[in-house]
Amino acid sequence: MGLFKSRGERDLDREVEIRRGVSLLRRTIRDLERNEKGYIEKARRAKQLGDGSQYAFLKQTIKRTASQRLLMERQLLNVETARQLKRQAEAHAQFADAMVAISTGIGAFFGRTDLKKTQQEFLRALDQAQTMEQRMEVFLDMTREAMGQAEPAGAEVVSDEEIDRLVDAAITADESPAIDTEIQKGLHEIRRELGEQ
């Protein structure tokens, strides 16, 4: 049944595949963000416990996860850009179809000579549309090639210092409520002593 699909059905199938891909990329990015937060929390605990080897392992895991998330975000951006270019190409194609209808109508009113001129203009417009389509294909090829080489070998996306700052911020946020509780106990103790005097 899939062998004899209409152009509209094939367009719809392509749009469904694009949406599925975008949805998968977004879900993957959310999962990576959640994993990154979980690893930061574990690194905070490892640092508080003084477990240097576990902390070093978690730093590398955070770095790898952040790199994957950034790569996925770049891929999503490329897909969204390509999708927008596809819609622009479709708009140009609709314009060309409208020109065909107009040129046919003009030809019916003005005879063969005018129809020939209109057809020449239309063929020129089609050639321009094809050129734009070819440029879009070249762009997409370049994007695919760049994806394979998005990060030079050994390049750090997230530095050790940035990971240390993330973990330290998590430790500070975790210790704040405990410090507040201790201060409240101390104030209560002072008030109690003053009240007894």
C-alpha atoms as a PDB file:
ATOM      1  CA  MET A   1       0.000   0.000   0.000  1.00  0.00           C
ATOM      2  CA  GLY A   2       2.975   2.329   0.677  1.00  0.00           C
ATOM      3  CA  LEU A   3       4.178   1.984  -2.938  1.00  0.00           C
ATOM      4  CA  PHE A   4       1.377   4.096  -4.387  1.00  0.00           C
ATOM      5  CA  LYS A   5       1.172   7.013  -1.984  1.00  0.00           C
ATOM      6  CA  SER A   6       0.101  10.398  -3.263  1.00  0.00           C
ATOM      7  CA  ARG A   7       2.399  13.391  -3.015  1.00  0.00           C
ATOM      8  CA  GLY A   8       0.324  14.719  -0.106  1.00  0.00           C
ATOM      9  CA  GLU A   9       0.638  11.414   1.746  1.00  0.00           C
ATOM     10  CA  ARG A  10       4.412  11.346   1.218  1.00  0.00           C
ATOM     11  CA  ASP A  11       4.663  14.959   2.453  1.00  0.00           C
ATOM     12  CA  LEU A  12       2.612  14.035   5.512  1.00  0.00           C
ATOM     13  CA  ASP A  13       4.848  11.010   6.194  1.00  0.00           C
ATOM     14  CA  ARG A  14       7.941  13.227   5.990  1.00  0.00           C
ATOM     15  CA  GLU A  15       6.405  15.768   8.373  1.00  0.00           C
ATOM     16  CA  VAL A  16       5.538  12.990  10.846  1.00  0.00           C
ATOM     17  CA  GLU A  17       9.145  11.725  10.707  1.00  0.00           C
ATOM     18  CA  ILE A  18      10.482  15.244  11.273  1.00  0.00           C
ATOM     19  CA  ARG A  19       8.181  15.752  14.263  1.00  0.00           C
ATOM     20  CA  ARG A  20       9.147  12.368  15.668  1.00  0.00           C
ATOM     21  CA  GLY A  21      12.843  13.260  15.334  1.00  0.00           C
ATOM     22  CA  VAL A  22      12.384  16.677  16.965  1.00  0.00           C
ATOM     23  CA  SER A  23      10.391  15.110  19.798  1.00  0.00           C
ATOM     24  CA  LEU A  24      13.076  12.467  20.358  1.00  0.00           C
ATOM     25  CA  LEU A  25      15.838  15.105  20.436  1.00  0.00           C
ATOM     26  CA  ARG A  26      13.911  17.231  22.940  1.00  0.00           C
ATOM     27  CA  ARG A  27      13.205  14.213  25.166  1.00  0.00           C
ATOM     28  CA  THR A  28      16.871  13.194  25.030  1.00  0.00           C
ATOM     29  CA  ILE A  29      17.966  16.733  25.984  1.00  0.00           C
ATOM     30  CA  ARG A  30      15.567  16.711  28.964  1.00  0.00           C
ATOM     31  CA  ASP A  31      16.891  13.308  30.073  1.00  0.00           C
ATOM     32  CA  LEU A  32      20.495  14.503  29.801  1.00  0.00           C
ATOM     33  CA  GLU A  33      19.677  17.640  31.838  1.00  0.00           C
ATOM     34  CA  ARG A  34      18.060  15.464  34.518  1.00  0.00           C
ATOM     35  CA  ASN A  35      21.068  13.109  34.537  1.00  0.00           C
ATOM     36  CA  GLU A  36      23.441  16.083  34.762  1.00  0.00           C
ATOM     37  CA  LYS A  37      21.637  17.396  37.856  1.00  0.00           C
ATOM     38  CA  GLY A  38      21.707  13.931  39.421  1.00  0.00           C
ATOM     39  CA  TYR A  39      25.449  13.592  38.798  1.00  0.00           C
ATOM     40  CA  ILE A  40      26.086  17.036  40.286  1.00  0.00           C
ATOM     41  CA  GLU A  41      24.173  15.990  43.416  1.00  0.00           C
ATOM     42  CA  LYS A  42      26.214  12.777  43.671  1.00  0.00           C
ATOM     43  CA  ALA A  43      29.457  14.743  43.131  1.00  0.00           C
ATOM     44  CA  ARG A  44      28.417  17.102  45.946  1.00  0.00           C
ATOM     45  CA  ARG A  45      27.960  14.143  48.270  1.00  0.00           C
ATOM     46  CA  ALA A  46      31.256  12.570  47.195  1.00  0.00           C
ATOM     47  CA  LYS A  47      33.083  15.856  47.822  1.00  0.00           C
ATOM     48  CA  GLN A  48      31.488  16.237  51.248  1.00  0.00           C
ATOM     49  CA  LEU A  49      32.506  12.677  52.106  1.00  0.00           C
ATOM     50  CA  GLY A  50      36.040  13.374  50.902  1.00  0.00           C
ATOM     51  CA  ASP A  51      35.884  10.550  48.319  1.00  0.00           C
ATOM     52  CA  GLY A  52      38.330  11.942  45.761  1.00  0.00           C
ATOM     53  CA  SER A  53      38.231   9.028  43.318  1.00  0.00           C
ATOM     54  CA  GLN A  54      34.415   8.975  43.176  1.00  0.00           C
ATOM     55  CA  TYR A  55      34.388  12.755  42.833  1.00  0.00           C
ATOM     56  CA  ALA A  56      36.866  12.602  39.907  1.00  0.00           C
ATOM     57  CA  PHE A  57      34.776   9.894  38.220  1.00  0.00           C
ATOM     58  CA  LEU A  58      31.600  11.952  38.627  1.00  0.00           C
ATOM     59  CA  LYS A  59      33.312  15.046  37.212  1.00  0.00           C
ATOM     60  CA  GLN A  60      34.168  13.095  34.062  1.00  0.00           C
ATOM     61  CA  THR A  61      30.604  11.774  33.879  1.00  0.00           C
ATOM     62  CA  ILE A  62      29.204  15.311  34.212  1.00  0.00           C
ATOM     63  CA  LYS A  63      31.569  16.485  31.500  1.00  0.00           C
ATOM     64  CA  ARG A  64      30.512  13.660  29.146  1.00  0.00           C
ATOM     65  CA  THR A  65      26.824  14.255  29.832  1.00  0.00           C
ATOM     66  CA  ALA A  66      27.137  18.020  29.269  1.00  0.00           C
ATOM     67  CA  SER A  67      28.976  17.386  25.992  1.00  0.00           C
ATOM     68  CA  GLN A  68      26.224  15.024  24.818  1.00  0.00           C
ATOM     69  CA  ARG A  69      23.522  17.509  25.816  1.00  0.00           C
ATOM     70  CA  LEU A  70      25.222  20.336  23.898  1.00  0.00           C
ATOM     71  CA  LEU A  71      25.610  18.097  20.838  1.00  0.00           C
ATOM     72  CA  MET A  72      21.908  17.181  20.981  1.00  0.00           C
ATOM     73  CA  GLU A  73      20.955  20.857  21.342  1.00  0.00           C
ATOM     74  CA  ARG A  74      23.037  21.646  18.234  1.00  0.00           C
ATOM     75  CA  GLN A  75      21.375  18.809  16.339  1.00  0.00           C
ATOM     76  CA  LEU A  76      17.940  20.066  17.364  1.00  0.00           C
ATOM     77  CA  LEU A  77      18.862  23.554  16.180  1.00  0.00           C
ATOM     78  CA  ASN A  78      20.012  22.156  12.824  1.00  0.00           C
ATOM     79  CA  VAL A  79      16.816  20.134  12.376  1.00  0.00           C
ATOM     80  CA  GLU A  80      14.648  23.144  13.231  1.00  0.00           C
ATOM     81  CA  THR A  81      16.624  25.316  10.790  1.00  0.00           C
ATOM     82  CA  ALA A  82      16.362  22.714   8.021  1.00  0.00           C
ATOM     83  CA  ARG A  83      12.639  22.377   8.697  1.00  0.00           C
ATOM     84  CA  GLN A  84      12.224  26.112   8.319  1.00  0.00           C
ATOM     85  CA  LEU A  85      14.177  26.034   5.041  1.00  0.00           C
ATOM     86  CA  LYS A  86      11.915  23.205   3.844  1.00  0.00           C
ATOM     87  CA  ARG A  87       8.847  25.324   4.539  1.00  0.00           C
ATOM     88  CA  GLN A  88      10.373  28.219   2.641  1.00  0.00           C
ATOM     89  CA  ALA A  89      11.084  25.914  -0.305  1.00  0.00           C
ATOM     90  CA  GLU A  90       7.481  24.695  -0.176  1.00  0.00           C
ATOM     91  CA  ALA A  91       6.281  28.305  -0.278  1.00  0.00           C
ATOM     92  CA  HIS A  92       8.433  28.902  -3.366  1.00  0.00           C
ATOM     93  CA  ALA A  93       6.999  25.779  -4.965  1.00  0.00           C
ATOM     94  CA  GLN A  94       3.456  26.985  -4.254  1.00  0.00           C
ATOM     95  CA  PHE A  95       4.373  30.292  -5.866  1.00  0.00           C
ATOM     96  CA  ALA A  96       5.650  28.430  -8.924  1.00  0.00           C
ATOM     97  CA  ASP A  97       2.398  26.408  -9.070  1.00  0.00           C
ATOM     98  CA  ALA A  98       0.399  29.636  -8.914  1.00  0.00           C
ATOM     99  CA  MET A  99       2.521  31.032 -11.747  1.00  0.00           C
ATOM    100  CA  VAL A 100       1.678  27.991 -13.858  1.00  0.00           C
ATOM    101  CA  ALA A 101      -2.025  28.559 -13.280  1.00  0.00           C
ATOM    102  CA  ILE A 102      -1.679  32.256 -14.056  1.00  0.00           C
ATOM    103  CA  SER A 103       0.414  31.641 -17.181  1.00  0.00           C
ATOM    104  CA  THR A 104      -2.134  29.082 -18.422  1.00  0.00           C
ATOM    105  CA  GLY A 105      -4.931  31.608 -17.885  1.00  0.00           C
ATOM    106  CA  ILE A 106      -2.990  34.364 -19.638  1.00  0.00           C
ATOM    107  CA  GLY A 107      -2.203  32.030 -22.531  1.00  0.00           C
ATOM    108  CA  ALA A 108      -5.884  31.242 -22.975  1.00  0.00           C
ATOM    109  CA  PHE A 109      -6.653  34.964 -23.343  1.00  0.00           C
ATOM    110  CA  PHE A 110      -3.725  36.125 -25.430  1.00  0.00           C
ATOM    111  CA  GLY A 111      -2.972  33.206 -27.736  1.00  0.00           C
ATOM    112  CA  ARG A 112       0.091  31.084 -28.355  1.00  0.00           C
ATOM    113  CA  THR A 113       2.655  33.873 -28.663  1.00  0.00           C
ATOM    114  CA  ASP A 114       1.975  35.218 -25.169  1.00  0.00           C
ATOM    115  CA  LEU A 115       1.779  31.706 -23.774  1.00  0.00           C
ATOM    116  CA  LYS A 116       5.253  30.963 -25.104  1.00  0.00           C
ATOM    117  CA  LYS A 117       6.669  34.064 -23.417  1.00  0.00           C
ATOM    118  CA  THR A 118       4.890  33.205 -20.164  1.00  0.00           C
ATOM    119  CA  GLN A 119       6.237  29.671 -20.312  1.00  0.00           C
ATOM    120  CA  GLN A 120       9.763  31.010 -20.736  1.00  0.00           C
ATOM    121  CA  GLU A 121       9.304  33.220 -17.680  1.00  0.00           C
ATOM    122  CA  PHE A 122       7.902  30.285 -15.786  1.00  0.00           C
ATOM    123  CA  LEU A 123      10.821  28.036 -16.762  1.00  0.00           C
ATOM    124  CA  ARG A 124      13.216  30.710 -15.503  1.00  0.00           C
ATOM    125  CA  ALA A 125      11.299  30.833 -12.194  1.00  0.00           C
ATOM    126  CA  LEU A 126      11.466  27.025 -11.940  1.00  0.00           C
ATOM    127  CA  ASP A 127      15.215  27.110 -12.584  1.00  0.00           C
ATOM    128  CA  GLN A 128      15.642  29.619  -9.746  1.00  0.00           C
ATOM    129  CA  ALA A 129      13.557  27.422  -7.445  1.00  0.00           C
ATOM    130  CA  GLN A 130      15.735  24.403  -8.311  1.00  0.00           C
ATOM    131  CA  THR A 131      18.888  26.436  -7.621  1.00  0.00           C
ATOM    132  CA  MET A 132      17.522  27.337  -4.193  1.00  0.00           C
ATOM    133  CA  GLU A 133      16.693  23.686  -3.550  1.00  0.00           C
ATOM    134  CA  GLN A 134      20.216  22.622  -4.538  1.00  0.00           C
ATOM    135  CA  ARG A 135      21.676  25.235  -2.205  1.00  0.00           C
ATOM    136  CA  MET A 136      19.528  23.882   0.602  1.00  0.00           C
ATOM    137  CA  GLU A 137      20.788  20.336  -0.099  1.00  0.00           C
ATOM    138  CA  VAL A 138      24.405  21.567  -0.014  1.00  0.00           C
ATOM    139  CA  PHE A 139      23.684  23.307   3.288  1.00  0.00           C
ATOM    140  CA  LEU A 140      22.177  20.161   4.775  1.00  0.00           C
ATOM    141  CA  ASP A 141      25.147  18.078   3.577  1.00  0.00           C
ATOM    142  CA  MET A 142      27.543  20.551   5.173  1.00  0.00           C
ATOM    143  CA  THR A 143      25.500  20.393   8.383  1.00  0.00           C
ATOM    144  CA  ARG A 144      25.670  16.588   8.439  1.00  0.00           C
ATOM    145  CA  GLU A 145      29.426  16.676   7.878  1.00  0.00           C
ATOM    146  CA  ALA A 146      29.863  19.291  10.591  1.00  0.00           C
ATOM    147  CA  MET A 147      27.883  17.101  13.013  1.00  0.00           C
ATOM    148  CA  GLY A 148      30.474  14.391  12.659  1.00  0.00           C
ATOM    149  CA  GLN A 149      33.212  16.898  13.470  1.00  0.00           C
ATOM    150  CA  ALA A 150      31.311  19.155  15.854  1.00  0.00           C
ATOM    151  CA  GLU A 151      33.961  18.836  18.554  1.00  0.00           C
ATOM    152  CA  PRO A 152      37.666  18.509  17.819  1.00  0.00           C
ATOM    153  CA  ALA A 153      39.282  15.515  19.479  1.00  0.00           C
ATOM    154  CA  GLY A 154      40.180  16.261  23.072  1.00  0.00           C
ATOM    155  CA  ALA A 155      38.241  19.546  23.202  1.00  0.00           C
ATOM    156  CA  GLU A 156      36.600  20.210  26.558  1.00  0.00           C
ATOM    157  CA  VAL A 157      33.048  21.479  26.466  1.00  0.00           C
ATOM    158  CA  VAL A 158      32.817  21.853  30.232  1.00  0.00           C
ATOM    159  CA  SER A 159      35.971  22.521  32.228  1.00  0.00           C
ATOM    160  CA  ASP A 160      36.892  20.992  35.574  1.00  0.00           C
ATOM    161  CA  GLU A 161      36.595  24.443  37.149  1.00  0.00           C
ATOM    162  CA  GLU A 162      32.999  24.806  35.926  1.00  0.00           C
ATOM    163  CA  ILE A 163      32.086  21.421  37.370  1.00  0.00           C
ATOM    164  CA  ASP A 164      33.757  22.334  40.687  1.00  0.00           C
ATOM    165  CA  ARG A 165      31.671  25.547  40.794  1.00  0.00           C
ATOM    166  CA  LEU A 166      28.448  23.602  40.094  1.00  0.00           C
ATOM    167  CA  VAL A 167      29.204  21.101  42.854  1.00  0.00           C
ATOM    168  CA  ASP A 168      30.244  23.822  45.338  1.00  0.00           C
ATOM    169  CA  ALA A 169      27.020  25.726  44.598  1.00  0.00           C
ATOM    170  CA  ALA A 170      25.033  22.555  45.294  1.00  0.00           C
ATOM    171  CA  ILE A 171      26.914  22.056  48.585  1.00  0.00           C
ATOM    172  CA  THR A 172      26.285  25.677  49.647  1.00  0.00           C
ATOM    173  CA  ALA A 173      22.583  25.381  48.790  1.00  0.00           C
ATOM    174  CA  ASP A 174      22.381  22.128  50.753  1.00  0.00           C
ATOM    175  CA  GLU A 175      24.152  23.527  53.845  1.00  0.00           C
ATOM    176  CA  SER A 176      22.135  26.779  54.050  1.00  0.00           C
ATOM    177  CA  PRO A 177      19.062  25.259  55.764  1.00  0.00           C
ATOM    178  CA  ALA A 178      21.289  23.481  58.327  1.00  0.00           C
ATOM    179  CA  ILE A 179      23.096  26.738  59.171  1.00  0.00           C
ATOM    180  CA  ASP A 180      19.762  28.583  59.501  1.00  0.00           C
ATOM    181  CA  THR A 181      18.523  25.920  61.931  1.00  0.00           C
ATOM    182  CA  GLU A 182      21.676  26.236  64.037  1.00  0.00           C
ATOM    183  CA  ILE A 183      21.320  30.037  64.160  1.00  0.00           C
ATOM    184  CA  GLN A 184      17.678  29.718  65.238  1.00  0.00           C
ATOM    185  CA  LYS A 185      18.671  27.302  68.031  1.00  0.00           C
ATOM    186  CA  GLY A 186      21.395  29.698  69.211  1.00  0.00           C
ATOM    187  CA  LEU A 187      18.991  32.674  69.248  1.00  0.00           C
ATOM    188  CA  HIS A 188      16.412  30.653  71.141  1.00  0.00           C
ATOM    189  CA  GLU A 189      19.080  29.657  73.678  1.00  0.00           C
ATOM    190  CA  ILE A 190      20.133  33.322  74.154  1.00  0.00           C
ATOM    191  CA  ARG A 191      16.510  34.460  74.568  1.00  0.00           C
ATOM    192  CA  ARG A 192      15.882  31.711  77.097  1.00  0.00           C
ATOM    193  CA  GLU A 193      18.947  32.736  79.121  1.00  0.00           C
ATOM    194  CA  LEU A 194      17.984  36.426  78.989  1.00  0.00           C
ATOM    195  CA  GLY A 195      14.430  35.601  80.015  1.00  0.00           C
ATOM    196  CA  GLU A 196      15.737  33.672  83.096  1.00  0.00           C
ATOM    197  CA  GLN A 197      17.933  36.573  84.286  1.00  0.00           C
END
